[in-house]
C-alpha cells in the first residue's frame, strides 16, 4: 500500500494495493 488509504484498507480488509 503506497497511500494511507491503501495501508489502512490493507490492514482492515486485507485487499491488494491498487484500490485507491
Protein backbone atom coordinates (compact mmCIF):
# COMPACT_ATOMS: atom_id res chain seq x y z
CA UNK A 1 0.00 0.00 0.00
CA UNK A 2 1.57 3.23 -1.18
CA UNK A 3 -1.03 5.63 0.22
CA UNK A 4 -2.55 5.89 3.70
CA UNK A 5 -5.92 4.70 2.40
CA UNK A 6 -4.28 1.66 0.83
CA UNK A 7 -2.34 0.97 4.01
CA UNK A 8 -5.40 1.16 6.26
CA UNK A 9 -7.52 -0.80 3.81
CA UNK A 10 -4.78 -3.41 3.52
CA UNK A 11 -4.81 -3.90 7.28
CA UNK A 12 -8.58 -3.82 7.77
CA UNK A 13 -9.81 -5.65 4.67
CA UNK A 14 -6.52 -7.20 3.60
CA UNK A 15 -7.15 -6.35 -0.04
CA UNK A 16 -4.28 -5.97 -2.52
CA UNK A 17 -2.96 -2.44 -3.07
CA UNK A 18 -4.38 -0.63 -6.09
CA UNK A 19 -7.87 0.23 -4.91
CA UNK A 20 -7.47 3.92 -4.04
